[in-house]
C-alpha atoms as a PDB file:
ATOM      1  CA  MET A   1     -15.334  10.182  -5.350  1.00  0.00           C
ATOM      2  CA  ASP A   2     -13.649  13.307  -5.284  1.00  0.00           C
ATOM      3  CA  ALA A   3      -9.876  13.894  -5.075  1.00  0.00           C
ATOM      4  CA  HIS A   4      -9.690  13.282  -1.156  1.00  0.00           C
ATOM      5  CA  ASN A   5     -11.377   9.698  -1.970  1.00  0.00           C
ATOM      6  CA  THR A   6     -14.456  10.403   0.227  1.00  0.00           C
ATOM      7  CA  PRO A   7     -17.995   9.676  -0.698  1.00  0.00           C
ATOM      8  CA  THR A   8     -19.733  13.171  -1.879  1.00  0.00           C
ATOM      9  CA  PRO A   9     -23.204  14.006  -0.648  1.00  0.00           C
ATOM     10  CA  ALA A  10     -26.271  12.928  -2.487  1.00  0.00           C
ATOM     11  CA  VAL A  11     -27.823  15.727  -4.645  1.00  0.00           C
ATOM     12  CA  LEU A  12     -31.519  16.128  -4.830  1.00  0.00           C
ATOM     13  CA  SER A  13     -32.135  15.986  -8.444  1.00  0.00           C
ATOM     14  CA  PRO A  14     -35.492  15.672 -10.436  1.00  0.00           C
ATOM     15  CA  SER A  15     -36.876  12.232 -10.892  1.00  0.00           C
ATOM     16  CA  ALA A  16     -35.207  10.344 -13.772  1.00  0.00           C
ATOM     17  CA  PRO A  17     -36.073   7.099 -14.933  1.00  0.00           C
ATOM     18  CA  THR A  18     -33.518   4.664 -13.543  1.00  0.00           C
ATOM     19  CA  ARG A  19     -32.596   1.080 -15.197  1.00  0.00           C
ATOM     20  CA  ARG A  20     -34.150  -1.949 -13.192  1.00  0.00           C
ATOM     21  CA  HIS A  21     -31.803  -5.105 -12.708  1.00  0.00           C
ATOM     22  CA  ALA A  22     -33.559  -8.280 -11.824  1.00  0.00           C
ATOM     23  CA  PRO A  23     -32.769  -8.993  -8.105  1.00  0.00           C
ATOM     24  CA  VAL A  24     -29.774 -11.032  -7.203  1.00  0.00           C
ATOM     25  CA  LEU A  25     -29.709 -13.632  -4.525  1.00  0.00           C
ATOM     26  CA  ALA A  26     -27.837 -12.311  -1.697  1.00  0.00           C
ATOM     27  CA  GLY A  27     -24.537 -13.864  -1.132  1.00  0.00           C
ATOM     28  CA  ALA A  28     -23.090 -15.045   2.312  1.00  0.00           C
ATOM     29  CA  GLY A  29     -21.638 -12.342   4.733  1.00  0.00           C
ATOM     30  CA  GLU A  30     -22.106  -9.986   7.421  1.00  0.00           C
ATOM     31  CA  PHE A  31     -25.424  -7.797   7.533  1.00  0.00           C
ATOM     32  CA  LEU A  32     -26.659  -4.957   9.769  1.00  0.00           C
ATOM     33  CA  SER A  33     -30.185  -5.898  10.916  1.00  0.00           C
ATOM     34  CA  PHE A  34     -32.567  -3.163  11.782  1.00  0.00           C
ATOM     35  CA  ARG A  35     -36.300  -2.809  12.561  1.00  0.00           C
ATOM     36  CA  LEU A  36     -38.880  -1.107  10.545  1.00  0.00           C
ATOM     37  CA  GLY A  37     -42.067  -1.859  12.835  1.00  0.00           C
ATOM     38  CA  ALA A  38     -42.612  -5.512  13.198  1.00  0.00           C
ATOM     39  CA  GLU A  39     -40.321  -6.359  10.227  1.00  0.00           C
ATOM     40  CA  GLU A  40     -36.551  -6.819  10.533  1.00  0.00           C
ATOM     41  CA  TYR A  41     -34.310  -6.000   7.353  1.00  0.00           C
ATOM     42  CA  GLY A  42     -30.520  -6.916   6.703  1.00  0.00           C
ATOM     43  CA  ILE A  43     -28.075  -4.763   4.618  1.00  0.00           C
ATOM     44  CA  ASP A  44     -24.582  -5.375   3.531  1.00  0.00           C
ATOM     45  CA  ILE A  45     -22.444  -4.204   6.605  1.00  0.00           C
ATOM     46  CA  LEU A  46     -19.871  -3.013   4.226  1.00  0.00           C
ATOM     47  CA  ARG A  47     -22.226   0.007   3.023  1.00  0.00           C
ATOM     48  CA  VAL A  48     -22.480   0.993   6.563  1.00  0.00           C
ATOM     49  CA  GLN A  49     -20.280   4.198   7.783  1.00  0.00           C
ATOM     50  CA  GLU A  50     -21.737   4.853  11.134  1.00  0.00           C
ATOM     51  CA  ILE A  51     -24.881   4.548  13.196  1.00  0.00           C
ATOM     52  CA  ARG A  52     -26.155   7.785  14.662  1.00  0.00           C
ATOM     53  CA  SER A  53     -29.090   8.913  17.096  1.00  0.00           C
ATOM     54  CA  TYR A  54     -31.878  10.698  15.353  1.00  0.00           C
ATOM     55  CA  GLU A  55     -31.764  14.420  15.090  1.00  0.00           C
ATOM     56  CA  GLU A  56     -34.466  16.477  13.312  1.00  0.00           C
ATOM     57  CA  PRO A  57     -32.833  17.287   9.795  1.00  0.00           C
ATOM     58  CA  THR A  58     -33.319  20.473   8.153  1.00  0.00           C
ATOM     59  CA  ARG A  59     -36.381  20.159   5.642  1.00  0.00           C
ATOM     60  CA  ILE A  60     -35.497  20.822   1.949  1.00  0.00           C
ATOM     61  CA  ALA A  61     -38.556  22.397   0.024  1.00  0.00           C
ATOM     62  CA  ASN A  62     -40.197  20.199  -2.661  1.00  0.00           C
ATOM     63  CA  ALA A  63     -38.158  17.044  -1.767  1.00  0.00           C
ATOM     64  CA  PRO A  64     -40.254  13.552  -1.870  1.00  0.00           C
ATOM     65  CA  GLU A  65     -41.930  12.767   1.159  1.00  0.00           C
ATOM     66  CA  SER A  66     -39.356  10.075   2.205  1.00  0.00           C
ATOM     67  CA  ILE A  67     -36.615  12.569   2.281  1.00  0.00           C
ATOM     68  CA  LYS A  68     -36.948  13.861   5.714  1.00  0.00           C
ATOM     69  CA  GLY A  69     -34.281  16.571   4.960  1.00  0.00           C
ATOM     70  CA  VAL A  70     -30.473  17.067   5.302  1.00  0.00           C
ATOM     71  CA  VAL A  71     -27.979  17.060   8.226  1.00  0.00           C
ATOM     72  CA  ASN A  72     -24.563  18.323   8.498  1.00  0.00           C
ATOM     73  CA  LEU A  73     -22.138  15.595   9.339  1.00  0.00           C
ATOM     74  CA  ARG A  74     -18.674  16.898   9.977  1.00  0.00           C
ATOM     75  CA  GLY A  75     -19.029  19.364   7.032  1.00  0.00           C
ATOM     76  CA  VAL A  76     -20.705  16.689   4.718  1.00  0.00           C
ATOM     77  CA  ILE A  77     -24.438  17.598   3.887  1.00  0.00           C
ATOM     78  CA  VAL A  78     -26.241  14.387   4.015  1.00  0.00           C
ATOM     79  CA  PRO A  79     -29.810  13.764   2.716  1.00  0.00           C
ATOM     80  CA  VAL A  80     -31.881  11.734   5.194  1.00  0.00           C
ATOM     81  CA  VAL A  81     -34.370   8.991   3.993  1.00  0.00           C
ATOM     82  CA  ASP A  82     -37.141   7.855   6.392  1.00  0.00           C
ATOM     83  CA  MET A  83     -37.302   4.159   5.509  1.00  0.00           C
ATOM     84  CA  ARG A  84     -40.957   3.799   7.079  1.00  0.00           C
ATOM     85  CA  ILE A  85     -42.308   6.585   4.541  1.00  0.00           C
ATOM     86  CA  LYS A  86     -40.268   4.947   1.592  1.00  0.00           C
ATOM     87  CA  LEU A  87     -41.439   1.396   2.292  1.00  0.00           C
ATOM     88  CA  GLY A  88     -45.123   2.321   3.099  1.00  0.00           C
ATOM     89  CA  CYS A  89     -44.982   1.177   6.749  1.00  0.00           C
ATOM     90  CA  ALA A  90     -47.278   2.642   9.255  1.00  0.00           C
ATOM     91  CA  LYS A  91     -45.707   5.807  10.693  1.00  0.00           C
ATOM     92  CA  VAL A  92     -44.271   5.388  14.334  1.00  0.00           C
ATOM     93  CA  GLU A  93     -43.196   8.135  16.696  1.00  0.00           C
ATOM     94  CA  TYR A  94     -39.457   8.697  17.007  1.00  0.00           C
ATOM     95  CA  ASN A  95     -38.228   7.720  20.278  1.00  0.00           C
ATOM     96  CA  ALA A  96     -34.896   7.004  22.062  1.00  0.00           C
ATOM     97  CA  LEU A  97     -34.478   3.863  19.877  1.00  0.00           C
ATOM     98  CA  THR A  98     -34.569   5.629  16.430  1.00  0.00           C
ATOM     99  CA  VAL A  99     -31.298   5.937  14.837  1.00  0.00           C
ATOM    100  CA  VAL A 100     -29.927   7.090  11.193  1.00  0.00           C
ATOM    101  CA  ILE A 101     -27.808   4.474   9.604  1.00  0.00           C
ATOM    102  CA  VAL A 102     -25.214   6.567   7.543  1.00  0.00           C
ATOM    103  CA  LEU A 103     -24.424   4.564   4.222  1.00  0.00           C
ATOM    104  CA  SER A 104     -22.092   4.874   1.426  1.00  0.00           C
ATOM    105  CA  VAL A 105     -24.298   4.508  -1.690  1.00  0.00           C
ATOM    106  CA  HIS A 106     -23.463   5.062  -5.325  1.00  0.00           C
ATOM    107  CA  ASN A 107     -20.430   7.041  -3.949  1.00  0.00           C
ATOM    108  CA  ARG A 108     -22.551   9.206  -1.877  1.00  0.00           C
ATOM    109  CA  VAL A 109     -23.453   9.428   1.744  1.00  0.00           C
ATOM    110  CA  VAL A 110     -26.879   9.009   2.706  1.00  0.00           C
ATOM    111  CA  GLY A 111     -28.443   8.668   6.028  1.00  0.00           C
ATOM    112  CA  LEU A 112     -31.500   6.226   6.704  1.00  0.00           C
ATOM    113  CA  VAL A 113     -33.933   6.781   9.445  1.00  0.00           C
ATOM    114  CA  VAL A 114     -34.791   3.200  11.086  1.00  0.00           C
ATOM    115  CA  ASP A 115     -36.803   2.261  14.528  1.00  0.00           C
ATOM    116  CA  SER A 116     -33.892   0.616  15.825  1.00  0.00           C
ATOM    117  CA  VAL A 117     -30.671  -1.328  14.738  1.00  0.00           C
ATOM    118  CA  SER A 118     -30.610  -4.915  16.094  1.00  0.00           C
ATOM    119  CA  ASP A 119     -27.189  -6.244  15.396  1.00  0.00           C
ATOM    120  CA  VAL A 120     -24.626  -7.596  12.940  1.00  0.00           C
ATOM    121  CA  ILE A 121     -25.252 -11.247  11.642  1.00  0.00           C
ATOM    122  CA  ARG A 122     -23.086 -13.475   9.882  1.00  0.00           C
ATOM    123  CA  LEU A 123     -25.339 -15.368   7.087  1.00  0.00           C
ATOM    124  CA  GLY A 124     -24.130 -18.414   5.100  1.00  0.00           C
ATOM    125  CA  GLN A 125     -25.510 -19.023   1.766  1.00  0.00           C
ATOM    126  CA  GLU A 126     -27.745 -21.926   3.516  1.00  0.00           C
ATOM    127  CA  HIS A 127     -29.576 -19.258   5.582  1.00  0.00           C
ATOM    128  CA  ILE A 128     -30.630 -17.441   2.582  1.00  0.00           C
ATOM    129  CA  LYS A 129     -33.648 -18.087   0.328  1.00  0.00           C
ATOM    130  CA  ALA A 130     -35.221 -16.290  -2.673  1.00  0.00           C
ATOM    131  CA  ALA A 131     -37.887 -13.886  -1.839  1.00  0.00           C
ATOM    132  CA  PRO A 132     -41.112 -15.043  -2.942  1.00  0.00           C
ATOM    133  CA  GLN A 133     -42.576 -13.159  -5.904  1.00  0.00           C
ATOM    134  CA  ILE A 134     -45.625 -11.248  -4.663  1.00  0.00           C
ATOM    135  CA  ASN A 135     -47.934  -8.922  -6.714  1.00  0.00           C
ATOM    136  CA  THR A 136     -47.777  -5.443  -4.695  1.00  0.00           C
ATOM    137  CA  SER A 137     -47.838  -1.700  -5.808  1.00  0.00           C
ATOM    138  CA  LEU A 138     -44.442  -1.488  -4.098  1.00  0.00           C
ATOM    139  CA  ASP A 139     -41.390  -2.181  -6.173  1.00  0.00           C
ATOM    140  CA  ALA A 140     -39.712  -5.198  -4.258  1.00  0.00           C
ATOM    141  CA  GLY A 141     -36.963  -5.344  -6.658  1.00  0.00           C
ATOM    142  CA  PHE A 142     -34.523  -4.334  -3.970  1.00  0.00           C
ATOM    143  CA  ILE A 143     -35.318  -7.572  -1.756  1.00  0.00           C
ATOM    144  CA  THR A 144     -32.438  -9.918  -2.483  1.00  0.00           C
ATOM    145  CA  GLY A 145     -33.411 -12.680  -0.219  1.00  0.00           C
ATOM    146  CA  ILE A 146     -34.999 -14.029   3.128  1.00  0.00           C
ATOM    147  CA  ALA A 147     -32.819 -15.263   5.871  1.00  0.00           C
ATOM    148  CA  SER A 148     -34.094 -17.356   9.012  1.00  0.00           C
ATOM    149  CA  VAL A 149     -31.966 -16.892  11.913  1.00  0.00           C
ATOM    150  CA  GLY A 150     -33.348 -18.973  14.680  1.00  0.00           C
ATOM    151  CA  GLU A 151     -36.849 -17.790  15.255  1.00  0.00           C
ATOM    152  CA  ARG A 152     -36.359 -14.532  13.079  1.00  0.00           C
ATOM    153  CA  MET A 153     -37.058 -13.967   9.445  1.00  0.00           C
ATOM    154  CA  LEU A 154     -34.651 -11.176   8.168  1.00  0.00           C
ATOM    155  CA  ILE A 155     -35.495  -9.415   4.870  1.00  0.00           C
ATOM    156  CA  LEU A 156     -32.247  -8.903   2.870  1.00  0.00           C
ATOM    157  CA  ALA A 157     -32.303  -5.791   0.968  1.00  0.00           C
ATOM    158  CA  ASP A 158     -30.108  -4.103  -1.683  1.00  0.00           C
ATOM    159  CA  ILE A 159     -29.613  -0.830  -0.434  1.00  0.00           C
ATOM    160  CA  GLU A 160     -28.381   0.655  -3.706  1.00  0.00           C
ATOM    161  CA  ALA A 161     -31.005  -0.636  -5.717  1.00  0.00           C
ATOM    162  CA  LEU A 162     -33.580   0.780  -2.885  1.00  0.00           C
ATOM    163  CA  LEU A 163     -32.079   4.254  -2.777  1.00  0.00           C
ATOM    164  CA  GLY A 164     -31.233   4.504  -6.547  1.00  0.00           C
ATOM    165  CA  SER A 165     -34.888   4.412  -7.261  1.00  0.00           C
ATOM    166  CA  SER A 166     -36.065   7.346  -9.445  1.00  0.00           C
ATOM    167  CA  ASP A 167     -38.678   8.528  -6.990  1.00  0.00           C
ATOM    168  CA  LEU A 168     -36.058   9.685  -4.509  1.00  0.00           C
ATOM    169  CA  GLY A 169     -33.873  11.421  -6.978  1.00  0.00           C
ATOM    170  CA  LEU A 170     -30.670  10.783  -5.009  1.00  0.00           C
ATOM    171  CA  VAL A 171     -28.689   9.848  -7.950  1.00  0.00           C
ATOM    172  CA  THR A 172     -28.367  11.028 -11.511  1.00  0.00           C
ATOM    173  CA  PRO A 173     -29.278   8.602 -14.522  1.00  0.00           C
ATOM    174  CA  THR A 174     -25.755   8.125 -15.349  1.00  0.00           C
ATOM    175  CA  GLU A 175     -25.041   6.937 -11.865  1.00  0.00           C
ATOM    176  CA  THR A 176     -27.779   4.230 -12.044  1.00  0.00           C
ATOM    177  CA  LEU A 177     -26.319   2.790 -15.174  1.00  0.00           C
ATOM    178  CA  GLN A 178     -22.713   2.087 -13.640  1.00  0.00           C
END
């Protein structure tokens, strides 16, 4: 953080190896739920700074495909990551429900494009189960659990692990070791 105790915007740096940690089962707490296609995800509400309507970001040359570009958020340049592209989902047209969740991750401000935001859900430990181990080409190490909320299944994600991956280049190697 800088001298004014505000997170600095993420920088686009060359890909660098990151140290992977074994996923830890999500703890009880409040989660912001959002949709990507038919799936619903949950992230720690304490990481969320605000939710904004989608606006076309300014594209950055040679940025990874999932980084749509940057936006100016009250003087802070914020990289915007399209979660559908990052997670390999089918592309969905941007519409009136498409939003950007602005987060503080690794002491940086990052925006996530998602299809829609559902609600804030309080989950007890009894609602959270370990995610099954599935052999996939996508690194699922960011999934910290699956929660059952009534008829809904919520995929709980460690947003720092997801956005700290080297393919995005949003953090420097020293930041991922902390």
